N, C-alpha and C. Protein backbone atom coordinates (compact mmCIF):
# COMPACT_ATOMS: atom_id res chain seq x y z
N MET A 1 56.40 258.46 -135.35
CA MET A 1 56.51 257.86 -134.01
C MET A 1 55.45 256.77 -133.88
N SER A 2 55.82 255.63 -133.35
CA SER A 2 54.88 254.52 -133.20
C SER A 2 53.87 254.81 -132.10
N PHE A 3 52.76 254.04 -132.13
CA PHE A 3 51.73 254.18 -131.10
C PHE A 3 52.31 253.95 -129.71
N ILE A 4 53.14 252.92 -129.58
CA ILE A 4 53.73 252.60 -128.28
C ILE A 4 54.62 253.74 -127.81
N LYS A 5 55.39 254.32 -128.74
CA LYS A 5 56.26 255.43 -128.34
C LYS A 5 55.45 256.63 -127.90
N LEU A 6 54.31 256.87 -128.58
CA LEU A 6 53.43 257.95 -128.16
C LEU A 6 52.94 257.72 -126.75
N LEU A 7 52.62 256.47 -126.43
CA LEU A 7 52.15 256.16 -125.09
C LEU A 7 53.25 256.38 -124.07
N LEU A 8 54.43 255.88 -124.37
CA LEU A 8 55.52 255.99 -123.42
C LEU A 8 55.98 257.42 -123.23
N ALA A 9 55.82 258.25 -124.25
CA ALA A 9 56.26 259.63 -124.14
C ALA A 9 55.53 260.36 -123.03
N SER A 10 54.32 259.93 -122.74
CA SER A 10 53.51 260.65 -121.77
C SER A 10 54.01 260.49 -120.35
N THR A 11 54.96 259.60 -120.11
CA THR A 11 55.43 259.39 -118.75
C THR A 11 56.54 260.35 -118.34
N SER A 12 57.01 261.17 -119.27
CA SER A 12 58.23 261.94 -119.01
C SER A 12 57.99 263.35 -118.52
N PHE A 13 56.76 263.69 -118.15
CA PHE A 13 56.47 265.07 -117.80
C PHE A 13 56.37 265.26 -116.29
N PHE A 14 57.25 266.08 -115.76
CA PHE A 14 57.19 266.41 -114.34
C PHE A 14 57.78 267.79 -114.15
N PHE A 15 57.44 268.44 -113.03
CA PHE A 15 57.85 269.82 -112.82
C PHE A 15 58.39 269.99 -111.40
N THR A 16 59.18 271.04 -111.23
CA THR A 16 59.86 271.20 -109.95
C THR A 16 59.60 272.53 -109.26
N LEU A 17 58.93 273.45 -109.92
CA LEU A 17 58.77 274.78 -109.35
C LEU A 17 57.38 274.95 -108.77
N GLY A 18 57.27 275.28 -107.48
CA GLY A 18 55.96 275.49 -106.89
C GLY A 18 55.29 276.72 -107.46
N CYS A 19 53.95 276.72 -107.49
CA CYS A 19 53.29 277.76 -108.27
C CYS A 19 51.94 278.26 -107.79
N GLN A 20 51.59 278.13 -106.55
CA GLN A 20 50.34 278.76 -106.16
C GLN A 20 50.47 280.27 -106.26
N SER A 21 51.70 280.78 -106.33
CA SER A 21 51.89 282.22 -106.52
C SER A 21 51.49 282.64 -107.92
N LYS A 22 51.12 281.67 -108.77
CA LYS A 22 50.64 282.03 -110.09
C LYS A 22 49.38 282.89 -109.98
N ILE A 23 48.76 282.89 -108.84
CA ILE A 23 47.59 283.77 -108.66
C ILE A 23 48.07 285.09 -108.20
N LYS A 24 48.57 285.69 -108.48
CA LYS A 24 49.74 286.31 -108.90
C LYS A 24 50.10 287.54 -108.16
N LYS A 25 50.97 287.31 -107.22
CA LYS A 25 51.55 288.48 -106.58
C LYS A 25 52.44 289.19 -107.60
N GLU A 26 53.11 288.42 -108.42
CA GLU A 26 54.07 289.02 -109.34
C GLU A 26 53.43 289.42 -110.67
N ILE A 27 52.17 289.05 -110.90
CA ILE A 27 51.54 289.34 -112.18
C ILE A 27 50.16 289.93 -111.95
N PRO A 28 50.06 291.20 -111.62
CA PRO A 28 48.76 291.82 -111.41
C PRO A 28 47.98 291.92 -112.70
N VAL A 29 46.66 292.01 -112.57
CA VAL A 29 45.79 292.05 -113.74
C VAL A 29 46.13 293.24 -114.62
N THR A 30 46.61 294.33 -114.03
CA THR A 30 46.88 295.54 -114.79
C THR A 30 48.25 295.55 -115.45
N GLN A 31 48.99 294.46 -115.31
CA GLN A 31 50.33 294.40 -115.88
C GLN A 31 50.31 294.63 -117.38
N GLU A 32 51.25 295.45 -117.87
CA GLU A 32 51.41 295.60 -119.30
C GLU A 32 52.10 294.37 -119.84
N ILE A 33 51.65 293.89 -120.98
CA ILE A 33 52.23 292.70 -121.55
C ILE A 33 52.82 293.01 -122.91
N GLN A 34 53.81 292.22 -123.30
CA GLN A 34 54.45 292.43 -124.57
C GLN A 34 53.48 292.10 -125.69
N GLU A 35 53.53 292.92 -126.75
CA GLU A 35 52.71 292.65 -127.91
C GLU A 35 53.30 291.50 -128.71
N VAL A 36 52.45 290.65 -129.21
CA VAL A 36 52.89 289.52 -130.01
C VAL A 36 52.58 289.81 -131.47
N ALA A 37 53.60 289.80 -132.29
CA ALA A 37 53.42 290.07 -133.72
C ALA A 37 52.84 288.83 -134.39
N GLU A 38 51.52 288.70 -134.31
CA GLU A 38 50.86 287.52 -134.83
C GLU A 38 49.49 287.89 -135.34
N VAL A 39 49.13 287.40 -136.50
CA VAL A 39 47.83 287.68 -137.08
C VAL A 39 46.81 286.72 -136.49
N LYS A 40 45.80 287.26 -135.86
CA LYS A 40 44.77 286.45 -135.25
C LYS A 40 43.61 286.26 -136.21
N LEU A 41 43.04 285.06 -136.21
CA LEU A 41 41.87 284.80 -137.02
C LEU A 41 40.64 285.43 -136.38
N THR A 42 39.74 285.90 -137.20
CA THR A 42 38.50 286.48 -136.70
C THR A 42 37.56 285.37 -136.25
N PRO A 43 36.57 285.71 -135.41
CA PRO A 43 35.59 284.69 -135.01
C PRO A 43 34.92 284.02 -136.22
N GLN A 44 34.67 284.78 -137.28
CA GLN A 44 34.06 284.21 -138.47
C GLN A 44 34.99 283.19 -139.11
N GLU A 45 36.28 283.52 -139.18
CA GLU A 45 37.25 282.59 -139.75
C GLU A 45 37.39 281.34 -138.89
N LEU A 46 37.40 281.52 -137.58
CA LEU A 46 37.53 280.38 -136.68
C LEU A 46 36.32 279.45 -136.75
N SER A 47 35.19 279.98 -137.13
CA SER A 47 33.98 279.16 -137.20
C SER A 47 34.08 278.08 -138.28
N ASP A 48 35.05 278.19 -139.15
CA ASP A 48 35.25 277.18 -140.19
C ASP A 48 35.98 275.94 -139.68
N TYR A 49 36.46 275.98 -138.44
CA TYR A 49 37.25 274.88 -137.90
C TYR A 49 36.50 274.14 -136.79
N GLU A 50 36.99 272.94 -136.49
CA GLU A 50 36.45 272.15 -135.39
C GLU A 50 37.06 272.64 -134.07
N THR A 51 36.40 272.31 -132.97
CA THR A 51 36.91 272.68 -131.65
C THR A 51 37.06 271.45 -130.77
N ALA A 52 38.04 271.52 -129.88
CA ALA A 52 38.25 270.49 -128.86
C ALA A 52 38.64 271.18 -127.58
N TYR A 53 38.36 270.53 -126.44
CA TYR A 53 38.57 271.17 -125.14
C TYR A 53 39.31 270.22 -124.21
N PHE A 54 40.36 270.75 -123.58
CA PHE A 54 41.19 269.94 -122.69
C PHE A 54 41.62 270.78 -121.48
N ALA A 55 41.76 270.10 -120.34
CA ALA A 55 42.31 270.72 -119.13
C ALA A 55 43.43 269.82 -118.61
N SER A 56 44.60 270.39 -118.41
CA SER A 56 45.73 269.58 -117.91
C SER A 56 46.74 270.46 -117.19
N GLY A 57 46.25 271.21 -116.22
CA GLY A 57 47.15 272.08 -115.47
C GLY A 57 47.04 273.52 -115.92
N CYS A 58 48.09 274.26 -115.70
CA CYS A 58 48.13 275.69 -116.03
C CYS A 58 47.82 275.92 -117.50
N PHE A 59 46.83 276.74 -117.79
CA PHE A 59 46.46 276.93 -119.20
C PHE A 59 47.52 277.68 -119.99
N TRP A 60 48.42 278.39 -119.32
CA TRP A 60 49.52 279.00 -120.06
C TRP A 60 50.34 277.91 -120.76
N CYS A 61 50.63 276.86 -120.02
CA CYS A 61 51.42 275.75 -120.56
C CYS A 61 50.66 275.01 -121.66
N VAL A 62 49.40 274.70 -121.39
CA VAL A 62 48.62 273.88 -122.31
C VAL A 62 48.37 274.63 -123.62
N GLU A 63 48.10 275.92 -123.51
CA GLU A 63 47.89 276.73 -124.71
C GLU A 63 49.12 276.69 -125.61
N ALA A 64 50.30 276.87 -125.03
CA ALA A 64 51.53 276.89 -125.82
C ALA A 64 51.78 275.54 -126.49
N ILE A 65 51.48 274.45 -125.80
CA ILE A 65 51.69 273.12 -126.38
C ILE A 65 50.80 272.92 -127.60
N PHE A 66 49.51 273.17 -127.45
CA PHE A 66 48.61 272.93 -128.58
C PHE A 66 48.85 273.91 -129.72
N GLU A 67 49.30 275.12 -129.42
CA GLU A 67 49.59 276.06 -130.50
C GLU A 67 50.80 275.63 -131.33
N SER A 68 51.61 274.73 -130.81
CA SER A 68 52.77 274.25 -131.57
C SER A 68 52.41 273.10 -132.51
N VAL A 69 51.17 272.61 -132.44
CA VAL A 69 50.77 271.42 -133.18
C VAL A 69 50.22 271.79 -134.55
N LYS A 70 50.68 271.08 -135.57
CA LYS A 70 50.21 271.33 -136.93
C LYS A 70 48.72 271.06 -137.04
N GLY A 71 48.05 271.87 -137.83
CA GLY A 71 46.61 271.74 -137.98
C GLY A 71 45.82 272.52 -136.96
N VAL A 72 46.48 272.99 -135.90
CA VAL A 72 45.82 273.81 -134.89
C VAL A 72 45.91 275.27 -135.33
N LYS A 73 44.77 275.92 -135.44
CA LYS A 73 44.72 277.28 -135.95
C LYS A 73 44.73 278.34 -134.85
N GLU A 74 44.17 278.00 -133.70
CA GLU A 74 44.11 278.94 -132.59
C GLU A 74 43.83 278.19 -131.31
N VAL A 75 44.37 278.67 -130.20
CA VAL A 75 44.09 278.10 -128.89
C VAL A 75 43.74 279.24 -127.95
N VAL A 76 42.66 279.06 -127.21
CA VAL A 76 42.17 280.08 -126.29
C VAL A 76 42.20 279.54 -124.88
N SER A 77 42.73 280.32 -123.95
CA SER A 77 42.73 279.93 -122.54
C SER A 77 41.42 280.34 -121.88
N GLY A 78 40.92 279.47 -121.01
CA GLY A 78 39.66 279.80 -120.35
C GLY A 78 39.32 278.83 -119.23
N TYR A 79 38.04 278.71 -118.96
CA TYR A 79 37.57 277.92 -117.84
C TYR A 79 36.39 277.05 -118.29
N SER A 80 36.35 275.81 -117.79
CA SER A 80 35.24 274.92 -118.12
C SER A 80 35.19 273.80 -117.09
N GLY A 81 34.14 273.00 -117.18
CA GLY A 81 34.02 271.84 -116.30
C GLY A 81 33.31 272.11 -115.00
N GLY A 82 32.86 273.35 -114.79
CA GLY A 82 32.19 273.70 -113.53
C GLY A 82 30.78 274.20 -113.74
N LYS A 83 30.14 274.61 -112.66
CA LYS A 83 28.74 275.02 -112.69
C LYS A 83 28.55 276.53 -112.68
N GLU A 84 29.53 277.26 -112.17
CA GLU A 84 29.36 278.70 -111.99
C GLU A 84 29.41 279.45 -113.32
N LYS A 85 28.58 280.46 -113.46
CA LYS A 85 28.56 281.28 -114.67
C LYS A 85 29.60 282.39 -114.57
N ASN A 86 30.20 282.70 -115.70
CA ASN A 86 31.13 283.82 -115.82
C ASN A 86 32.22 283.82 -114.75
N PRO A 87 32.96 282.73 -114.62
CA PRO A 87 34.02 282.66 -113.60
C PRO A 87 35.15 283.62 -113.94
N THR A 88 35.82 284.09 -112.90
CA THR A 88 36.99 284.95 -113.06
C THR A 88 38.24 284.17 -112.71
N TYR A 89 39.38 284.69 -113.15
CA TYR A 89 40.65 284.01 -112.86
C TYR A 89 40.91 283.93 -111.37
N GLU A 90 40.61 284.99 -110.67
CA GLU A 90 40.86 284.98 -109.22
C GLU A 90 40.03 283.91 -108.53
N ASP A 91 38.76 283.79 -108.91
CA ASP A 91 37.90 282.78 -108.29
C ASP A 91 38.35 281.37 -108.65
N VAL A 92 38.64 281.13 -109.92
CA VAL A 92 39.07 279.81 -110.34
C VAL A 92 40.42 279.47 -109.73
N GLY A 93 41.35 280.41 -109.80
CA GLY A 93 42.70 280.16 -109.31
C GLY A 93 42.78 279.88 -107.82
N TYR A 94 41.88 280.46 -107.05
CA TYR A 94 41.86 280.21 -105.61
C TYR A 94 40.93 279.05 -105.24
N GLY A 95 40.45 278.32 -106.24
CA GLY A 95 39.62 277.16 -105.96
C GLY A 95 38.23 277.49 -105.46
N LYS A 96 37.72 278.68 -105.80
CA LYS A 96 36.40 279.08 -105.34
C LYS A 96 35.29 278.64 -106.28
N THR A 97 35.65 277.96 -107.38
CA THR A 97 34.65 277.46 -108.31
C THR A 97 34.90 275.97 -108.55
N THR A 98 34.02 275.36 -109.34
CA THR A 98 34.21 273.96 -109.73
C THR A 98 34.81 273.85 -111.13
N HIS A 99 35.25 274.97 -111.69
CA HIS A 99 35.85 274.97 -113.02
C HIS A 99 37.32 274.57 -112.96
N ALA A 100 37.84 274.19 -114.12
CA ALA A 100 39.27 273.93 -114.29
C ALA A 100 39.81 274.86 -115.36
N GLU A 101 41.09 275.19 -115.27
CA GLU A 101 41.75 275.94 -116.34
C GLU A 101 41.75 275.05 -117.58
N THR A 102 41.19 275.55 -118.65
CA THR A 102 40.89 274.76 -119.85
C THR A 102 41.33 275.52 -121.09
N VAL A 103 41.64 274.78 -122.15
CA VAL A 103 41.91 275.44 -123.43
C VAL A 103 40.89 275.01 -124.47
N GLU A 104 40.55 275.95 -125.33
CA GLU A 104 39.70 275.71 -126.49
C GLU A 104 40.61 275.64 -127.70
N VAL A 105 40.61 274.51 -128.39
CA VAL A 105 41.51 274.28 -129.51
C VAL A 105 40.72 274.31 -130.82
N PHE A 106 41.05 275.25 -131.70
CA PHE A 106 40.46 275.30 -133.03
C PHE A 106 41.42 274.57 -133.97
N TYR A 107 40.90 273.56 -134.69
CA TYR A 107 41.80 272.76 -135.51
C TYR A 107 41.14 272.37 -136.83
N ASP A 108 42.01 272.06 -137.80
CA ASP A 108 41.57 271.63 -139.12
C ASP A 108 41.60 270.10 -139.16
N PRO A 109 40.44 269.45 -139.18
CA PRO A 109 40.41 267.98 -139.14
C PRO A 109 41.01 267.34 -140.39
N ASN A 110 41.22 268.13 -141.44
CA ASN A 110 41.88 267.61 -142.63
C ASN A 110 43.39 267.49 -142.44
N VAL A 111 43.89 268.14 -141.39
CA VAL A 111 45.33 268.13 -141.11
C VAL A 111 45.64 267.29 -139.88
N ILE A 112 44.83 267.43 -138.85
CA ILE A 112 45.05 266.67 -137.62
C ILE A 112 43.71 266.19 -137.09
N SER A 113 43.68 264.97 -136.60
CA SER A 113 42.43 264.36 -136.13
C SER A 113 42.21 264.62 -134.65
N PHE A 114 40.99 264.40 -134.21
CA PHE A 114 40.69 264.49 -132.78
C PHE A 114 41.50 263.44 -132.03
N THR A 115 41.67 262.26 -132.61
CA THR A 115 42.47 261.22 -131.97
C THR A 115 43.89 261.70 -131.72
N ALA A 116 44.48 262.38 -132.69
CA ALA A 116 45.84 262.91 -132.51
C ALA A 116 45.88 263.97 -131.42
N LEU A 117 44.84 264.79 -131.32
CA LEU A 117 44.79 265.79 -130.26
C LEU A 117 44.71 265.12 -128.89
N VAL A 118 44.00 264.01 -128.81
CA VAL A 118 43.94 263.25 -127.55
C VAL A 118 45.33 262.71 -127.21
N GLN A 119 46.07 262.26 -128.21
CA GLN A 119 47.44 261.81 -127.99
C GLN A 119 48.31 262.96 -127.48
N VAL A 120 48.14 264.13 -128.05
CA VAL A 120 48.87 265.32 -127.59
C VAL A 120 48.52 265.61 -126.13
N PHE A 121 47.25 265.55 -125.82
CA PHE A 121 46.78 265.82 -124.46
C PHE A 121 47.45 264.88 -123.45
N PHE A 122 47.36 263.58 -123.69
CA PHE A 122 47.94 262.64 -122.74
C PHE A 122 49.47 262.66 -122.77
N GLY A 123 50.05 262.99 -123.91
CA GLY A 123 51.50 263.00 -124.01
C GLY A 123 52.16 264.24 -123.47
N SER A 124 51.37 265.22 -123.03
CA SER A 124 51.96 266.48 -122.56
C SER A 124 51.66 266.78 -121.10
N HIS A 125 51.13 265.79 -120.37
CA HIS A 125 50.94 265.99 -118.93
C HIS A 125 50.88 264.62 -118.25
N ASP A 126 50.84 264.64 -116.93
CA ASP A 126 50.76 263.41 -116.15
C ASP A 126 49.32 263.21 -115.70
N PRO A 127 48.59 262.26 -116.29
CA PRO A 127 47.18 262.07 -115.94
C PRO A 127 46.96 261.24 -114.68
N THR A 128 48.03 260.90 -113.97
CA THR A 128 47.89 260.07 -112.77
C THR A 128 47.89 260.87 -111.48
N THR A 129 48.10 262.17 -111.57
CA THR A 129 48.16 262.99 -110.35
C THR A 129 46.81 263.67 -110.15
N LEU A 130 46.10 263.26 -109.13
CA LEU A 130 44.75 263.77 -108.89
C LEU A 130 44.80 265.22 -108.42
N ASN A 131 44.04 266.06 -109.12
CA ASN A 131 43.92 267.48 -108.75
C ASN A 131 45.28 268.16 -108.63
N ARG A 132 46.17 267.77 -109.51
CA ARG A 132 47.49 268.39 -109.50
C ARG A 132 48.17 268.16 -110.85
N GLN A 133 48.91 269.16 -111.27
CA GLN A 133 49.77 269.01 -112.43
C GLN A 133 51.08 269.70 -112.11
N GLY A 134 52.10 268.88 -111.87
CA GLY A 134 53.39 269.46 -111.47
C GLY A 134 53.23 270.25 -110.18
N PRO A 135 53.64 271.52 -110.19
CA PRO A 135 53.59 272.32 -108.98
C PRO A 135 52.21 272.89 -108.68
N ASP A 136 51.28 272.77 -109.61
CA ASP A 136 49.97 273.40 -109.47
C ASP A 136 48.99 272.45 -108.81
N LYS A 137 48.48 272.83 -107.64
CA LYS A 137 47.62 271.95 -106.86
C LYS A 137 46.22 272.53 -106.75
N GLY A 138 45.23 271.65 -106.80
CA GLY A 138 43.85 272.06 -106.65
C GLY A 138 42.99 271.52 -107.78
N THR A 139 41.68 271.45 -107.55
CA THR A 139 40.78 270.91 -108.56
C THR A 139 40.79 271.75 -109.83
N GLN A 140 41.18 273.01 -109.73
CA GLN A 140 41.24 273.87 -110.91
C GLN A 140 42.33 273.44 -111.89
N TYR A 141 43.22 272.54 -111.44
CA TYR A 141 44.30 272.04 -112.30
C TYR A 141 44.11 270.56 -112.63
N ARG A 142 42.91 270.04 -112.45
CA ARG A 142 42.69 268.62 -112.70
C ARG A 142 42.72 268.31 -114.20
N SER A 143 42.89 267.04 -114.49
CA SER A 143 42.96 266.56 -115.87
C SER A 143 41.57 266.22 -116.38
N ILE A 144 41.17 266.86 -117.49
CA ILE A 144 39.85 266.61 -118.08
C ILE A 144 39.99 266.54 -119.59
N ALA A 145 39.43 265.49 -120.18
CA ALA A 145 39.27 265.40 -121.62
C ALA A 145 37.78 265.55 -121.91
N PHE A 146 37.41 266.63 -122.54
CA PHE A 146 35.99 266.90 -122.83
C PHE A 146 35.59 266.28 -124.17
N TYR A 147 34.36 265.82 -124.25
CA TYR A 147 33.84 265.31 -125.51
C TYR A 147 32.54 266.02 -125.86
N LYS A 148 32.34 266.22 -127.17
CA LYS A 148 31.13 266.90 -127.65
C LYS A 148 30.11 265.93 -128.24
N ASN A 149 30.53 264.70 -128.46
CA ASN A 149 29.63 263.70 -129.02
C ASN A 149 30.12 262.30 -128.63
N GLU A 150 29.35 261.29 -128.96
CA GLU A 150 29.69 259.93 -128.56
C GLU A 150 30.95 259.41 -129.26
N LYS A 151 31.18 259.86 -130.48
CA LYS A 151 32.38 259.44 -131.19
C LYS A 151 33.63 259.92 -130.46
N GLU A 152 33.64 261.19 -130.04
CA GLU A 152 34.78 261.72 -129.30
C GLU A 152 34.94 261.01 -127.96
N LYS A 153 33.83 260.71 -127.31
CA LYS A 153 33.89 260.00 -126.04
C LYS A 153 34.55 258.63 -126.22
N GLU A 154 34.16 257.93 -127.30
CA GLU A 154 34.73 256.62 -127.57
C GLU A 154 36.23 256.71 -127.86
N ILE A 155 36.64 257.75 -128.57
CA ILE A 155 38.07 257.93 -128.86
C ILE A 155 38.86 258.11 -127.56
N ILE A 156 38.34 258.94 -126.68
CA ILE A 156 39.03 259.20 -125.40
C ILE A 156 39.09 257.95 -124.54
N THR A 157 37.95 257.29 -124.37
CA THR A 157 37.91 256.12 -123.50
C THR A 157 38.75 254.97 -124.07
N SER A 158 38.77 254.83 -125.40
CA SER A 158 39.59 253.79 -126.02
C SER A 158 41.07 254.07 -125.82
N TYR A 159 41.44 255.34 -125.87
CA TYR A 159 42.84 255.69 -125.67
C TYR A 159 43.26 255.44 -124.22
N ILE A 160 42.39 255.77 -123.29
CA ILE A 160 42.68 255.49 -121.88
C ILE A 160 42.83 253.99 -121.66
N LYS A 161 41.97 253.21 -122.29
CA LYS A 161 42.08 251.75 -122.18
C LYS A 161 43.42 251.27 -122.72
N ALA A 162 43.86 251.85 -123.85
CA ALA A 162 45.15 251.47 -124.42
C ALA A 162 46.30 251.81 -123.47
N LEU A 163 46.22 252.97 -122.85
CA LEU A 163 47.24 253.36 -121.87
C LEU A 163 47.30 252.36 -120.72
N LYS A 164 46.14 251.94 -120.25
CA LYS A 164 46.09 250.97 -119.15
C LYS A 164 46.59 249.60 -119.61
N ASP A 165 46.15 249.18 -120.80
CA ASP A 165 46.56 247.86 -121.31
C ASP A 165 48.07 247.80 -121.51
N GLN A 166 48.67 248.90 -121.90
CA GLN A 166 50.12 248.96 -122.12
C GLN A 166 50.88 249.21 -120.81
N ASN A 167 50.13 249.42 -119.72
CA ASN A 167 50.73 249.68 -118.41
C ASN A 167 51.74 250.83 -118.48
N VAL A 168 51.36 251.86 -119.20
CA VAL A 168 52.26 253.00 -119.40
C VAL A 168 52.64 253.67 -118.08
N TYR A 169 51.71 253.67 -117.13
CA TYR A 169 51.94 254.38 -115.87
C TYR A 169 52.23 253.43 -114.71
N ASP A 170 52.74 252.24 -115.04
CA ASP A 170 53.18 251.29 -114.01
C ASP A 170 52.11 251.02 -112.97
N GLY A 171 50.89 250.87 -113.41
CA GLY A 171 49.81 250.51 -112.51
C GLY A 171 49.15 251.67 -111.79
N LEU A 172 49.69 252.88 -111.95
CA LEU A 172 49.06 254.04 -111.32
C LEU A 172 47.73 254.33 -111.99
N PRO A 173 46.72 254.71 -111.23
CA PRO A 173 45.42 254.97 -111.83
C PRO A 173 45.43 256.25 -112.67
N ILE A 174 44.72 256.24 -113.77
CA ILE A 174 44.56 257.45 -114.58
C ILE A 174 43.38 258.22 -114.01
N THR A 175 43.64 259.45 -113.59
CA THR A 175 42.62 260.24 -112.90
C THR A 175 41.87 261.19 -113.83
N THR A 176 42.20 261.17 -115.11
CA THR A 176 41.57 262.07 -116.08
C THR A 176 40.05 261.88 -116.08
N GLU A 177 39.34 262.99 -115.98
CA GLU A 177 37.89 262.96 -116.11
C GLU A 177 37.52 262.98 -117.59
N VAL A 178 36.58 262.15 -117.97
CA VAL A 178 36.03 262.16 -119.33
C VAL A 178 34.65 262.78 -119.21
N THR A 179 34.52 264.02 -119.67
CA THR A 179 33.37 264.86 -119.33
C THR A 179 32.70 265.42 -120.58
N ALA A 180 31.40 265.38 -120.59
CA ALA A 180 30.64 265.98 -121.69
C ALA A 180 30.85 267.49 -121.66
N PHE A 181 31.21 268.06 -122.80
CA PHE A 181 31.43 269.50 -122.86
C PHE A 181 30.10 270.24 -122.74
N SER A 182 30.12 271.32 -121.95
CA SER A 182 28.92 272.12 -121.76
C SER A 182 29.14 273.57 -122.16
N LYS A 183 30.06 274.24 -121.48
CA LYS A 183 30.26 275.67 -121.69
C LYS A 183 31.72 276.04 -121.45
N PHE A 184 32.24 276.88 -122.31
CA PHE A 184 33.61 277.38 -122.17
C PHE A 184 33.55 278.88 -121.97
N TYR A 185 34.28 279.35 -120.94
CA TYR A 185 34.37 280.78 -120.67
C TYR A 185 35.79 281.24 -120.97
N LYS A 186 35.93 282.17 -121.88
CA LYS A 186 37.25 282.68 -122.23
C LYS A 186 37.85 283.43 -121.04
N ALA A 187 39.12 283.17 -120.79
CA ALA A 187 39.82 283.85 -119.68
C ALA A 187 40.10 285.30 -120.05
N GLU A 188 40.49 286.06 -119.05
CA GLU A 188 40.82 287.45 -119.24
C GLU A 188 41.89 287.61 -120.34
N GLU A 189 41.84 288.71 -121.03
CA GLU A 189 42.68 288.89 -122.22
C GLU A 189 44.17 288.76 -121.91
N TYR A 190 44.60 289.17 -120.72
CA TYR A 190 46.03 289.12 -120.44
C TYR A 190 46.56 287.70 -120.30
N HIS A 191 45.66 286.70 -120.23
CA HIS A 191 46.11 285.31 -120.19
C HIS A 191 46.37 284.75 -121.59
N GLN A 192 45.80 285.36 -122.60
CA GLN A 192 45.93 284.80 -123.94
C GLN A 192 47.36 284.96 -124.46
N ASP A 193 47.91 283.89 -125.03
CA ASP A 193 49.30 283.88 -125.52
C ASP A 193 50.27 284.33 -124.43
N TYR A 194 49.99 283.93 -123.19
CA TYR A 194 50.78 284.44 -122.06
C TYR A 194 52.25 284.05 -122.17
N GLU A 195 52.51 282.83 -122.58
CA GLU A 195 53.91 282.41 -122.66
C GLU A 195 54.69 283.25 -123.66
N LYS A 196 54.10 283.52 -124.81
CA LYS A 196 54.78 284.33 -125.82
C LYS A 196 54.97 285.77 -125.36
N ARG A 197 54.01 286.28 -124.64
CA ARG A 197 54.05 287.68 -124.25
C ARG A 197 54.91 287.94 -123.01
N ASN A 198 55.17 286.91 -122.24
CA ASN A 198 55.89 287.08 -120.98
C ASN A 198 57.02 286.07 -120.84
N PRO A 199 57.97 286.05 -121.77
CA PRO A 199 59.03 285.04 -121.75
C PRO A 199 59.95 285.13 -120.54
N ASP A 200 59.99 286.28 -119.88
CA ASP A 200 60.90 286.44 -118.75
C ASP A 200 60.24 286.15 -117.40
N ASN A 201 58.94 285.83 -117.43
CA ASN A 201 58.26 285.49 -116.18
C ASN A 201 58.86 284.21 -115.60
N SER A 202 59.06 284.16 -114.29
CA SER A 202 59.74 283.02 -113.67
C SER A 202 59.00 281.70 -113.88
N TYR A 203 57.67 281.73 -113.80
CA TYR A 203 56.90 280.51 -114.03
C TYR A 203 57.06 280.03 -115.47
N ILE A 204 57.02 280.97 -116.38
CA ILE A 204 57.17 280.62 -117.80
C ILE A 204 58.54 280.00 -118.05
N LYS A 205 59.57 280.60 -117.50
CA LYS A 205 60.93 280.11 -117.74
C LYS A 205 61.18 278.77 -117.08
N ASN A 206 60.62 278.56 -115.89
CA ASN A 206 60.95 277.36 -115.12
C ASN A 206 59.96 276.21 -115.27
N VAL A 207 58.75 276.49 -115.74
CA VAL A 207 57.74 275.44 -115.86
C VAL A 207 57.21 275.33 -117.29
N SER A 208 56.67 276.42 -117.82
CA SER A 208 56.00 276.35 -119.12
C SER A 208 56.94 275.98 -120.26
N ILE A 209 58.06 276.68 -120.37
CA ILE A 209 58.98 276.42 -121.48
C ILE A 209 59.59 275.02 -121.39
N PRO A 210 60.07 274.58 -120.22
CA PRO A 210 60.56 273.19 -120.15
C PRO A 210 59.49 272.16 -120.50
N ARG A 211 58.25 272.39 -120.07
CA ARG A 211 57.17 271.46 -120.40
C ARG A 211 56.94 271.43 -121.91
N LEU A 212 56.94 272.59 -122.54
CA LEU A 212 56.76 272.66 -123.98
C LEU A 212 57.91 271.97 -124.71
N ASN A 213 59.13 272.20 -124.26
CA ASN A 213 60.29 271.59 -124.91
C ASN A 213 60.29 270.08 -124.79
N ARG A 214 59.84 269.55 -123.65
CA ARG A 214 59.75 268.09 -123.50
C ARG A 214 58.73 267.53 -124.48
N PHE A 215 57.62 268.25 -124.63
CA PHE A 215 56.63 267.80 -125.59
C PHE A 215 57.21 267.79 -127.01
N LYS A 216 57.88 268.86 -127.38
CA LYS A 216 58.44 268.95 -128.73
C LYS A 216 59.45 267.83 -128.99
N LYS A 217 60.22 267.49 -127.98
CA LYS A 217 61.22 266.44 -128.14
C LYS A 217 60.58 265.10 -128.44
N ASN A 218 59.45 264.82 -127.81
CA ASN A 218 58.80 263.51 -127.96
C ASN A 218 57.79 263.44 -129.10
N PHE A 219 57.31 264.57 -129.56
CA PHE A 219 56.24 264.59 -130.57
C PHE A 219 56.62 265.44 -131.77
N GLY A 220 57.84 265.30 -132.24
CA GLY A 220 58.34 266.14 -133.31
C GLY A 220 57.50 266.11 -134.58
N GLU A 221 56.94 264.94 -134.92
CA GLU A 221 56.19 264.84 -136.17
C GLU A 221 54.82 265.51 -136.09
N PHE A 222 54.40 265.90 -134.89
CA PHE A 222 53.13 266.61 -134.74
C PHE A 222 53.30 268.12 -134.85
N LEU A 223 54.53 268.60 -134.91
CA LEU A 223 54.78 270.04 -134.80
C LEU A 223 54.65 270.79 -136.11
N LYS A 224 54.22 272.05 -135.99
CA LYS A 224 54.27 272.94 -137.14
C LYS A 224 55.71 273.15 -137.58
N ASP A 225 55.91 273.51 -138.82
CA ASP A 225 57.27 273.66 -139.34
C ASP A 225 58.09 274.68 -138.57
N ASN A 226 57.42 275.72 -138.03
CA ASN A 226 58.15 276.77 -137.32
C ASN A 226 58.20 276.53 -135.82
N SER A 227 57.81 275.31 -135.37
CA SER A 227 57.76 275.03 -133.94
C SER A 227 58.90 274.17 -133.46
N HIS A 228 59.83 273.78 -134.32
CA HIS A 228 60.93 272.92 -133.92
C HIS A 228 61.97 273.72 -133.13
């Protein structure tokens, strides 16, 4: 896929199902979840890979998108970008903290670059909607590209400049925050691999899966062999 096509692909993401109920009348913390037949890497094994951090709406959706990308070894849902220590899902989801729903991406830089992950990030959400992603409203759903060093910061800012120069969003401002990474807090265990474990959940069926499928349609060459 050409650079221009990658840019244009990012304009096609929108959602129709309202979702503040994601704080979950229908999904209590004690809910039993389906087991996922998947071998997880140990923390020691994961330490061999690079990490990247992104926030772009519901972390259920974002986790599933990055897990479909080749070179990505593991994705963890959690919270970052705020000041409060040890945030909980209830506090973050109700906007009681300054954190955003964020994913931690473990990846092999020999297979996929940080630049490509930035392309995935912008190509899988709408960065022009302030404090909102599709049906999810609030600062906890804001768009953030985190950087761990000046090189990553330059990659992100250069990509944003390219998006603006190409007028990909028809003059709409890009609201994505470019933020120095500080601390990531892993979300409660029942959020991990939520889309895989809860395929019949209404939010998953009406928002997460369509969002993932749109990404796959536009970024086929970035996908793992078993993700088509």
